[in-house]
Amino acid sequence: MRGQITLLEPVPVELGPGAWHMPGRALAKAGGLLDAIAEVIRDVPLRQMLTPGGRRICAPMTNCGRLGWISDRRGYRYSAEDPLTGRPWPPMPELVAQLARQLAGEAGYAGFEPDACLVNAYRPGMRMGLHQDRDEADMSQPIVSVSLGLPAVFLWGGLRRGDKARRVTLAHGDALVFGGESRMCFHGIAPVARGRHPKTGELRYNLTLRRAAA
C-alpha cells in the first residue's frame, strides 16, 4: 500500500486487487465529519428515494457536492440539482473532500477529486443489497467510503452477483477505498444490528465519495 501510515494506526487490510479496508483511518476527524453531515442534512433533508421499480430504498439519503446521486422511476443517475427543490446540492464540506483525497492517495489513487458525496443514514434493521457502483462516467476513479456511528457488516462480493460475499465489520471511523480491478465488485450492507453509539445514537452514517463526471 502506498502513502505514509504511522505505526500507531491499525494496519490496512487488502480486500482484493485495489481494494482496502482502513480501520479507524477517519476516527481523528469523526467529530468534524458528523458536524458536516448535520449541516448538509439541515440544508437538504434525508429522504428514501424510489427505485425504478417503484420501491423505496431502505436507507434514507441525501447528497452534497457538484453532483448528487438520485433514483426514481426514470432510473439511477447523477444530477446537479435536488429533484425536490430544483436547487443545487449543498457544497461538499472541505473536510470531507480533503479526507477523500487523502484516503484515495494512501490506497494508490493519486489525484482523486470527488465531485459527489452520497450520505446514507441507517437505523437498526436497515440494509443495502449487493450492487455495483456503475453510474459514474469514469470507472478508473475509485470509490471512497467512510463509516460513522453504529457498526455494520460490509458485504464484499466479486465481479458477479452470485459470487460469495466476504463479511467485513465496519466500526466508527473506518474507511474503505476500492478501484482498479475491484472497481466493479458487488458490495452491500447487512441489516444493521440494534445498538446505540455515543456520538450518533441509533444511527450509522455512511459517506460515499465518487468522481461522477468524466
Protein backbone atom coordinates (compact mmCIF):
# COMPACT_ATOMS: atom_id res chain seq x y z
CA MET A 1 0.00 0.00 0.00
CA ARG A 2 1.25 3.45 -0.89
CA GLY A 3 1.31 6.53 1.33
CA GLN A 4 2.51 7.12 4.85
CA ILE A 5 0.81 5.22 7.67
CA THR A 6 2.11 5.70 11.20
CA LEU A 7 2.82 2.74 13.47
CA LEU A 8 0.07 3.91 15.83
CA GLU A 9 -2.63 3.27 13.24
CA PRO A 10 -4.27 -0.12 12.59
CA VAL A 11 -2.88 -1.95 9.59
CA PRO A 12 -5.00 -1.60 6.40
CA VAL A 13 -6.47 -4.86 5.11
CA GLU A 14 -6.44 -5.68 1.41
CA LEU A 15 -9.87 -6.96 0.33
CA GLY A 16 -8.82 -7.56 -3.26
CA PRO A 17 -6.71 -6.02 -6.03
CA GLY A 18 -7.01 -2.26 -5.50
CA ALA A 19 -9.44 -2.56 -2.56
CA TRP A 20 -8.59 -1.63 1.03
CA HIS A 21 -10.29 -1.60 4.41
CA MET A 22 -8.67 1.07 6.60
CA PRO A 23 -9.74 0.53 10.22
CA GLY A 24 -10.00 3.74 12.24
CA ARG A 25 -8.50 5.84 9.46
CA ALA A 26 -11.15 8.59 9.76
CA LEU A 27 -11.53 8.42 13.54
CA ALA A 28 -9.48 11.55 14.29
CA LYS A 29 -11.81 13.60 12.06
CA ALA A 30 -15.07 11.92 13.08
CA GLY A 31 -16.36 14.87 15.11
CA GLY A 32 -15.88 17.31 12.27
CA LEU A 33 -17.40 14.86 9.79
CA LEU A 34 -20.52 14.48 11.93
CA ASP A 35 -20.84 18.26 12.16
CA ALA A 36 -20.52 18.47 8.37
CA ILE A 37 -23.20 15.80 7.90
CA ALA A 38 -25.56 17.68 10.21
CA GLU A 39 -25.12 20.85 8.15
CA VAL A 40 -25.81 19.04 4.89
CA ILE A 41 -28.95 17.39 6.31
CA ARG A 42 -30.24 20.73 7.60
CA ASP A 43 -29.92 22.11 4.08
CA VAL A 44 -31.19 19.04 2.21
CA PRO A 45 -33.04 16.59 4.49
CA LEU A 46 -32.67 12.83 4.21
CA ARG A 47 -35.23 11.02 2.09
CA GLN A 48 -36.00 7.49 0.89
CA MET A 49 -35.70 7.57 -2.87
CA LEU A 50 -37.68 5.36 -5.24
CA THR A 51 -36.12 2.60 -7.30
CA PRO A 52 -37.03 2.39 -11.00
CA GLY A 53 -39.41 -0.40 -9.96
CA GLY A 54 -41.27 1.90 -7.57
CA ARG A 55 -39.95 0.57 -4.25
CA ARG A 56 -38.49 2.77 -1.53
CA ILE A 57 -34.74 2.40 -0.96
CA CYS A 58 -34.32 1.18 2.61
CA ALA A 59 -31.78 3.68 3.95
CA PRO A 60 -32.63 7.42 3.72
CA MET A 61 -30.05 9.51 1.89
CA THR A 62 -29.03 12.95 0.71
CA ASN A 63 -26.14 14.48 -1.24
CA CYS A 64 -23.56 17.23 -1.27
CA GLY A 65 -21.10 18.27 -3.94
CA ARG A 66 -21.38 19.37 -7.55
CA LEU A 67 -23.40 16.26 -8.41
CA GLY A 68 -25.79 14.13 -6.40
CA TRP A 69 -26.83 10.52 -6.94
CA ILE A 70 -30.58 10.13 -7.37
CA SER A 71 -33.01 7.33 -8.08
CA ASP A 72 -36.62 7.37 -9.28
CA ARG A 73 -38.84 5.63 -11.82
CA ARG A 74 -36.65 7.10 -14.59
CA GLY A 75 -33.61 5.21 -13.32
CA TYR A 76 -30.36 5.70 -11.41
CA ARG A 77 -28.25 8.72 -12.32
CA TYR A 78 -26.43 11.84 -11.18
CA SER A 79 -27.98 15.29 -11.17
CA ALA A 80 -26.60 18.75 -10.43
CA GLU A 81 -29.90 19.67 -8.77
CA ASP A 82 -32.03 18.27 -5.98
CA PRO A 83 -35.13 16.98 -7.82
CA LEU A 84 -37.37 18.00 -4.91
CA THR A 85 -36.34 21.67 -4.89
CA GLY A 86 -34.63 22.32 -8.22
CA ARG A 87 -31.72 23.86 -6.32
CA PRO A 88 -28.06 22.79 -6.48
CA TRP A 89 -26.90 20.39 -3.82
CA PRO A 90 -25.02 22.00 -0.92
CA PRO A 91 -21.25 22.30 -1.46
CA MET A 92 -19.14 19.39 -0.32
CA PRO A 93 -17.50 20.35 3.00
CA GLU A 94 -13.75 20.77 2.51
CA LEU A 95 -13.02 18.43 5.43
CA VAL A 96 -14.91 15.67 3.61
CA ALA A 97 -13.23 16.30 0.26
CA GLN A 98 -9.78 16.56 1.82
CA LEU A 99 -10.21 13.27 3.67
CA ALA A 100 -11.36 11.53 0.50
CA ARG A 101 -8.33 12.77 -1.41
CA GLN A 102 -6.04 11.62 1.40
CA LEU A 103 -7.57 8.15 1.68
CA ALA A 104 -7.54 7.63 -2.07
CA GLY A 105 -3.90 8.69 -2.24
CA GLU A 106 -2.91 6.27 0.51
CA ALA A 107 -4.64 3.47 -1.40
CA GLY A 108 -2.69 4.28 -4.56
CA TYR A 109 -5.18 6.53 -6.35
CA ALA A 110 -3.34 9.83 -6.63
CA GLY A 111 -5.21 12.83 -7.98
CA PHE A 112 -8.68 11.71 -6.91
CA GLU A 113 -11.03 14.72 -6.85
CA PRO A 114 -14.54 13.80 -5.68
CA ASP A 115 -17.45 15.76 -7.10
CA ALA A 116 -20.24 13.78 -5.41
CA CYS A 117 -20.82 12.69 -1.82
CA LEU A 118 -23.77 10.46 -1.00
CA VAL A 119 -24.85 10.47 2.66
CA ASN A 120 -26.75 7.39 3.88
CA ALA A 121 -28.31 7.06 7.33
CA TYR A 122 -29.01 3.53 8.60
CA ARG A 123 -31.16 2.64 11.61
CA PRO A 124 -31.12 -0.85 13.13
CA GLY A 125 -32.60 -3.35 10.70
CA MET A 126 -31.80 -1.30 7.59
CA ARG A 127 -29.63 -2.80 4.89
CA MET A 128 -28.27 -2.24 1.39
CA GLY A 129 -28.44 -5.11 -1.08
CA LEU A 130 -25.50 -6.23 -3.16
CA HIS A 131 -24.93 -3.81 -6.02
CA GLN A 132 -22.28 -2.27 -8.25
CA ASP A 133 -21.46 1.43 -8.44
CA ARG A 134 -21.85 1.84 -12.18
CA ASP A 135 -23.45 5.24 -12.79
CA GLU A 136 -20.16 7.16 -12.91
CA ALA A 137 -18.65 8.36 -16.19
CA ASP A 138 -15.04 7.34 -15.43
CA MET A 139 -14.64 3.88 -13.97
CA SER A 140 -10.90 4.43 -13.48
CA GLN A 141 -11.73 6.57 -10.44
CA PRO A 142 -12.05 4.81 -7.07
CA ILE A 143 -14.87 4.75 -4.55
CA VAL A 144 -14.11 6.14 -1.07
CA SER A 145 -16.41 5.24 1.82
CA VAL A 146 -16.38 6.39 5.46
CA SER A 147 -18.41 4.81 8.29
CA LEU A 148 -19.59 6.72 11.36
CA GLY A 149 -21.75 5.69 14.31
CA LEU A 150 -23.18 2.21 14.76
CA PRO A 151 -21.09 -0.66 13.41
CA ALA A 152 -22.18 -2.54 10.32
CA VAL A 153 -21.23 -5.64 8.38
CA PHE A 154 -19.97 -4.78 4.90
CA LEU A 155 -20.62 -7.44 2.27
CA TRP A 156 -17.75 -7.60 -0.19
CA GLY A 157 -18.53 -9.76 -3.19
CA GLY A 158 -16.97 -10.45 -6.56
CA LEU A 159 -17.47 -9.30 -10.12
CA ARG A 160 -20.55 -11.50 -10.49
CA ARG A 161 -23.68 -11.10 -8.38
CA GLY A 162 -23.63 -14.77 -7.43
CA ASP A 163 -20.06 -14.70 -6.06
CA LYS A 164 -19.82 -15.42 -2.35
CA ALA A 165 -19.57 -12.23 -0.31
CA ARG A 166 -16.99 -11.74 2.42
CA ARG A 167 -18.27 -10.19 5.67
CA VAL A 168 -16.21 -7.24 6.97
CA THR A 169 -17.10 -5.42 10.19
CA LEU A 170 -17.01 -1.64 9.82
CA ALA A 171 -16.65 0.39 13.02
CA HIS A 172 -16.95 4.12 13.74
CA GLY A 173 -14.17 5.89 11.82
CA ASP A 174 -13.38 3.04 9.41
CA ALA A 175 -12.79 3.75 5.73
CA LEU A 176 -12.92 1.75 2.52
CA VAL A 177 -11.29 2.53 -0.81
CA PHE A 178 -11.75 0.36 -3.88
CA GLY A 179 -10.93 0.80 -7.53
CA GLY A 180 -8.84 -0.74 -10.28
CA GLU A 181 -9.61 -4.44 -10.75
CA SER A 182 -12.06 -4.28 -7.83
CA ARG A 183 -13.96 -1.20 -9.01
CA MET A 184 -16.97 -3.20 -10.20
CA CYS A 185 -17.17 -5.67 -7.33
CA PHE A 186 -20.62 -6.19 -5.85
CA HIS A 187 -20.97 -4.87 -2.32
CA GLY A 188 -23.64 -4.09 0.25
CA ILE A 189 -24.53 -3.76 3.93
CA ALA A 190 -26.11 -6.50 6.06
CA PRO A 191 -29.02 -5.45 8.32
CA VAL A 192 -27.59 -3.13 10.98
CA ALA A 193 -27.74 -4.63 14.46
CA ARG A 194 -29.54 -2.92 17.31
CA GLY A 195 -27.36 -0.64 19.38
CA ARG A 196 -26.63 2.89 20.43
CA HIS A 197 -23.50 4.86 19.62
CA PRO A 198 -22.39 7.68 21.96
CA LYS A 199 -21.99 10.10 19.04
CA THR A 200 -24.90 9.18 16.76
CA GLY A 201 -27.42 7.32 18.90
CA GLU A 202 -29.29 4.64 16.94
CA LEU A 203 -27.76 5.67 13.63
CA ARG A 204 -24.99 4.67 11.29
CA TYR A 205 -23.90 7.25 8.73
CA ASN A 206 -22.01 6.36 5.60
CA LEU A 207 -20.29 8.81 3.28
CA THR A 208 -19.66 7.52 -0.25
CA LEU A 209 -17.43 9.77 -2.33
CA ARG A 210 -17.09 9.42 -6.06
CA ARG A 211 -15.89 11.17 -9.17
CA ALA A 212 -19.14 11.08 -11.11
CA ALA A 213 -18.36 13.33 -14.08
CA ALA A 214 -15.85 12.49 -16.80
